[in-house]
Structure formats: C-alpha cells, structure tokens
C-alpha cells in the first residue's frame, strides 16, 4: 500500500489491519521498520531504523520496545539487553 504522503507498506493484512509480517518505510524522514505487526502496531520481533541512523533489533509489545533487544547508535556504540516500555 502506498499512502498519500508517500509512505508505503508491504506485507500481510487481516480484516483491515496490518497483521503478520511487513515492511514500512517513511518517505518524510527515511525511517523504516521490518518485522511483525498486530492490529497496525509493531508487535513481536522487528528491526527499526531511525532518522538519525540508530537501529533497534529486538522485540516489541503493542508498539513499544519490550524484552530483549539491541539498540545501536549511529556512532557505533550500542546497548544489548532488556527493554521495558521503550526504556533500558
């Protein structure tokens, strides 16, 4: 699906919602997400690239980083551990 703002999604849909695996790309800032979705939000394992070049690889619960993950900053430093409600 290509949205009116140029963002796009390629993946699985169910009953009008993004459910299953899919890739999302934002045309505004170059951010992207590849992974699992439930009811239009990140849920399960995914990989997210932020506008500043930071990358998160790990689990999400209802759209938030939750559980085991690795967050890498653009300068090469990283955190490898547990996340709770997007925080480590």
N, C-alpha and C. Protein backbone atom coordinates (compact mmCIF):
# COMPACT_ATOMS: atom_id res chain seq x y z
N UNK A 1 0.85 -1.17 0.00
CA UNK A 1 0.00 0.00 0.00
C UNK A 1 0.89 1.23 0.00
N UNK A 2 0.57 2.18 -0.86
CA UNK A 2 1.27 3.46 -0.89
C UNK A 2 0.30 4.51 -0.34
N UNK A 3 0.74 5.21 0.69
CA UNK A 3 -0.09 6.22 1.33
C UNK A 3 0.04 7.56 0.62
N UNK A 4 -0.90 8.47 0.84
CA UNK A 4 -0.92 9.76 0.13
C UNK A 4 0.31 10.62 0.42
N UNK A 5 0.98 10.40 1.57
CA UNK A 5 2.17 11.18 1.89
C UNK A 5 3.45 10.56 1.34
N UNK A 6 3.33 9.43 0.62
CA UNK A 6 4.48 8.77 0.03
C UNK A 6 5.03 7.61 0.84
N UNK A 7 4.59 7.47 2.09
CA UNK A 7 4.99 6.31 2.89
C UNK A 7 4.42 5.06 2.25
N UNK A 8 5.05 3.92 2.51
CA UNK A 8 4.48 2.69 1.96
C UNK A 8 4.66 1.51 2.91
N UNK A 9 3.80 0.53 2.71
CA UNK A 9 3.81 -0.70 3.50
C UNK A 9 3.68 -1.88 2.54
N UNK A 10 4.51 -2.88 2.76
CA UNK A 10 4.43 -4.13 2.01
C UNK A 10 4.33 -5.24 3.04
N UNK A 11 3.24 -5.98 3.01
CA UNK A 11 3.12 -7.06 3.99
C UNK A 11 1.73 -7.64 4.07
N UNK A 12 1.47 -8.26 5.22
CA UNK A 12 0.24 -9.01 5.43
C UNK A 12 -0.83 -8.16 6.09
N UNK A 13 -2.07 -8.35 5.64
CA UNK A 13 -3.24 -7.67 6.17
C UNK A 13 -4.26 -8.72 6.60
N UNK A 14 -5.07 -8.37 7.59
CA UNK A 14 -6.15 -9.25 8.02
C UNK A 14 -7.27 -8.39 8.58
N UNK A 15 -8.45 -8.52 8.01
CA UNK A 15 -9.65 -7.80 8.45
C UNK A 15 -9.42 -6.29 8.57
N UNK A 16 -8.72 -5.72 7.58
CA UNK A 16 -8.50 -4.28 7.54
C UNK A 16 -7.34 -3.76 8.37
N UNK A 17 -6.61 -4.66 9.02
CA UNK A 17 -5.47 -4.27 9.85
C UNK A 17 -4.20 -4.92 9.33
N UNK A 18 -3.08 -4.24 9.61
CA UNK A 18 -1.78 -4.84 9.34
C UNK A 18 -1.55 -5.89 10.43
N UNK A 19 -1.46 -7.14 10.01
CA UNK A 19 -1.25 -8.27 10.92
C UNK A 19 -0.30 -9.25 10.25
N UNK A 20 0.69 -9.74 11.00
CA UNK A 20 1.66 -10.66 10.44
C UNK A 20 2.98 -9.95 10.20
N UNK A 21 3.64 -10.30 9.11
CA UNK A 21 4.94 -9.70 8.80
C UNK A 21 4.78 -8.61 7.74
N UNK A 22 5.58 -7.55 7.91
CA UNK A 22 5.50 -6.47 6.93
C UNK A 22 6.62 -5.47 7.08
N UNK A 23 6.81 -4.69 6.01
CA UNK A 23 7.84 -3.67 5.95
C UNK A 23 7.18 -2.31 5.74
N UNK A 24 7.59 -1.33 6.54
CA UNK A 24 7.05 0.02 6.44
C UNK A 24 8.21 0.98 6.20
N UNK A 25 8.04 1.94 5.30
CA UNK A 25 9.05 2.94 5.02
C UNK A 25 8.41 4.32 5.03
N UNK A 26 9.02 5.25 5.77
CA UNK A 26 8.54 6.63 5.83
C UNK A 26 9.32 7.48 4.82
N UNK A 27 8.61 8.12 3.92
CA UNK A 27 9.26 8.97 2.91
C UNK A 27 9.70 10.30 3.51
N UNK A 28 9.11 10.71 4.62
CA UNK A 28 9.43 12.00 5.24
C UNK A 28 10.83 12.03 5.83
N UNK A 29 11.20 10.98 6.56
CA UNK A 29 12.47 11.01 7.29
C UNK A 29 13.36 9.79 7.04
N UNK A 30 12.92 8.88 6.19
CA UNK A 30 13.73 7.70 5.87
C UNK A 30 13.70 6.60 6.91
N UNK A 31 12.88 6.75 7.93
CA UNK A 31 12.74 5.70 8.95
C UNK A 31 12.08 4.48 8.33
N UNK A 32 12.41 3.30 8.89
CA UNK A 32 11.78 2.09 8.38
C UNK A 32 11.63 1.07 9.49
N UNK A 33 10.74 0.12 9.27
CA UNK A 33 10.51 -0.98 10.19
C UNK A 33 10.23 -2.23 9.37
N UNK A 34 10.92 -3.30 9.73
CA UNK A 34 10.66 -4.61 9.12
C UNK A 34 10.44 -5.59 10.26
N UNK A 35 9.28 -6.24 10.24
CA UNK A 35 9.04 -7.18 11.31
C UNK A 35 7.59 -7.58 11.43
N UNK A 36 7.23 -7.93 12.67
CA UNK A 36 5.91 -8.45 12.97
C UNK A 36 4.99 -7.32 13.45
N UNK A 37 3.72 -7.45 13.06
CA UNK A 37 2.69 -6.46 13.38
C UNK A 37 1.47 -7.16 13.97
N UNK A 38 0.72 -6.40 14.78
CA UNK A 38 -0.58 -6.86 15.27
C UNK A 38 -1.48 -5.63 15.38
N UNK A 39 -2.59 -5.67 14.67
CA UNK A 39 -3.57 -4.59 14.69
C UNK A 39 -2.93 -3.21 14.45
N UNK A 40 -2.13 -3.12 13.40
CA UNK A 40 -1.50 -1.89 12.92
C UNK A 40 -0.35 -1.36 13.78
N UNK A 41 0.14 -2.11 14.75
CA UNK A 41 1.29 -1.66 15.55
C UNK A 41 2.37 -2.74 15.56
N UNK A 42 3.61 -2.30 15.81
CA UNK A 42 4.72 -3.25 15.93
C UNK A 42 4.43 -4.18 17.09
N UNK A 43 4.55 -5.47 16.88
CA UNK A 43 4.29 -6.44 17.94
C UNK A 43 4.96 -7.75 17.57
N UNK A 44 5.99 -8.14 18.34
CA UNK A 44 6.79 -9.31 18.02
C UNK A 44 8.20 -8.84 17.70
N UNK A 45 8.94 -9.62 16.92
CA UNK A 45 10.31 -9.25 16.58
C UNK A 45 10.32 -8.27 15.40
N UNK A 46 11.20 -7.27 15.50
CA UNK A 46 11.33 -6.33 14.40
C UNK A 46 12.65 -5.61 14.40
N UNK A 47 12.92 -4.93 13.29
CA UNK A 47 14.12 -4.13 13.12
C UNK A 47 13.69 -2.74 12.65
N UNK A 48 14.06 -1.73 13.44
CA UNK A 48 13.66 -0.35 13.15
C UNK A 48 14.89 0.51 12.92
N UNK A 49 14.85 1.30 11.84
CA UNK A 49 15.92 2.26 11.54
C UNK A 49 15.34 3.65 11.73
N UNK A 50 16.01 4.46 12.59
CA UNK A 50 15.54 5.81 12.89
C UNK A 50 16.20 6.83 11.96
N UNK A 51 15.66 8.04 11.94
CA UNK A 51 16.15 9.10 11.06
C UNK A 51 17.61 9.45 11.32
N UNK A 52 18.07 9.33 12.56
CA UNK A 52 19.46 9.68 12.88
C UNK A 52 20.45 8.55 12.61
N UNK A 53 19.97 7.43 12.07
CA UNK A 53 20.83 6.29 11.75
C UNK A 53 20.91 5.25 12.84
N UNK A 54 20.26 5.49 13.98
CA UNK A 54 20.20 4.49 15.04
C UNK A 54 19.36 3.31 14.59
N UNK A 55 19.67 2.12 15.12
CA UNK A 55 18.96 0.91 14.74
C UNK A 55 18.58 0.12 15.99
N UNK A 56 17.35 -0.35 16.03
CA UNK A 56 16.90 -1.25 17.09
C UNK A 56 16.52 -2.58 16.46
N UNK A 57 17.03 -3.66 17.05
CA UNK A 57 16.65 -5.01 16.65
C UNK A 57 16.23 -5.74 17.92
N UNK A 58 14.97 -6.15 17.94
CA UNK A 58 14.50 -6.84 19.13
C UNK A 58 13.00 -6.99 19.13
N UNK A 59 12.45 -7.18 20.32
CA UNK A 59 11.02 -7.44 20.44
C UNK A 59 10.24 -6.17 20.81
N UNK A 60 9.00 -6.16 20.35
CA UNK A 60 8.05 -5.10 20.64
C UNK A 60 6.80 -5.73 21.23
N UNK A 61 6.14 -4.98 22.11
CA UNK A 61 4.83 -5.36 22.62
C UNK A 61 3.94 -4.13 22.50
N UNK A 62 2.89 -4.25 21.73
CA UNK A 62 1.94 -3.17 21.46
C UNK A 62 2.66 -1.86 21.12
N UNK A 63 3.61 -1.95 20.17
CA UNK A 63 4.27 -0.76 19.64
C UNK A 63 5.45 -0.24 20.44
N UNK A 64 5.79 -0.88 21.55
CA UNK A 64 6.91 -0.41 22.37
C UNK A 64 8.00 -1.45 22.45
N UNK A 65 9.25 -0.96 22.51
CA UNK A 65 10.39 -1.88 22.71
C UNK A 65 10.21 -2.54 24.07
N UNK A 66 10.18 -3.85 24.08
CA UNK A 66 9.89 -4.60 25.31
C UNK A 66 10.56 -5.95 25.23
N UNK A 67 11.39 -6.28 26.23
CA UNK A 67 12.09 -7.55 26.22
C UNK A 67 13.50 -7.39 25.68
N UNK A 68 14.04 -8.46 25.13
CA UNK A 68 15.43 -8.50 24.66
C UNK A 68 15.59 -7.69 23.38
N UNK A 69 16.65 -6.88 23.32
CA UNK A 69 16.92 -6.12 22.12
C UNK A 69 18.30 -5.51 22.10
N UNK A 70 18.69 -5.04 20.94
CA UNK A 70 19.97 -4.35 20.76
C UNK A 70 19.67 -3.00 20.11
N UNK A 71 20.11 -1.93 20.76
CA UNK A 71 19.96 -0.59 20.21
C UNK A 71 21.35 -0.09 19.86
N UNK A 72 21.56 0.26 18.59
CA UNK A 72 22.86 0.74 18.11
C UNK A 72 22.73 2.19 17.67
N UNK A 73 23.57 3.06 18.23
CA UNK A 73 23.60 4.45 17.81
C UNK A 73 24.46 4.60 16.56
N UNK A 74 24.28 5.68 15.85
CA UNK A 74 25.00 5.91 14.60
C UNK A 74 26.51 5.98 14.80
N UNK A 75 26.97 6.33 16.01
CA UNK A 75 28.41 6.42 16.27
C UNK A 75 29.07 5.07 16.54
N UNK A 76 28.26 4.00 16.53
CA UNK A 76 28.79 2.65 16.73
C UNK A 76 28.62 2.11 18.13
N UNK A 77 28.28 2.96 19.10
CA UNK A 77 28.03 2.46 20.45
C UNK A 77 26.68 1.73 20.46
N UNK A 78 26.50 0.85 21.44
CA UNK A 78 25.25 0.08 21.48
C UNK A 78 24.91 -0.38 22.89
N UNK A 79 23.65 -0.73 23.05
CA UNK A 79 23.14 -1.35 24.27
C UNK A 79 22.54 -2.69 23.88
N UNK A 80 22.91 -3.74 24.59
CA UNK A 80 22.40 -5.09 24.34
C UNK A 80 21.83 -5.59 25.65
N UNK A 81 20.50 -5.66 25.74
CA UNK A 81 19.89 -6.08 26.99
C UNK A 81 18.38 -5.99 26.97
N UNK A 82 17.81 -5.77 28.13
CA UNK A 82 16.36 -5.75 28.30
C UNK A 82 15.80 -4.34 28.17
N UNK A 83 14.61 -4.26 27.55
CA UNK A 83 13.88 -3.01 27.41
C UNK A 83 12.53 -3.16 28.12
N UNK A 84 12.06 -2.07 28.73
CA UNK A 84 10.74 -2.01 29.35
C UNK A 84 10.09 -0.71 28.92
N UNK A 85 8.97 -0.79 28.22
CA UNK A 85 8.23 0.40 27.77
C UNK A 85 9.15 1.38 27.04
N UNK A 86 9.95 0.90 26.09
CA UNK A 86 10.87 1.68 25.26
C UNK A 86 12.15 2.12 25.99
N UNK A 87 12.30 1.79 27.26
CA UNK A 87 13.47 2.22 28.04
C UNK A 87 14.37 1.04 28.39
N UNK A 88 15.65 1.33 28.60
CA UNK A 88 16.58 0.31 29.08
C UNK A 88 17.22 0.78 30.35
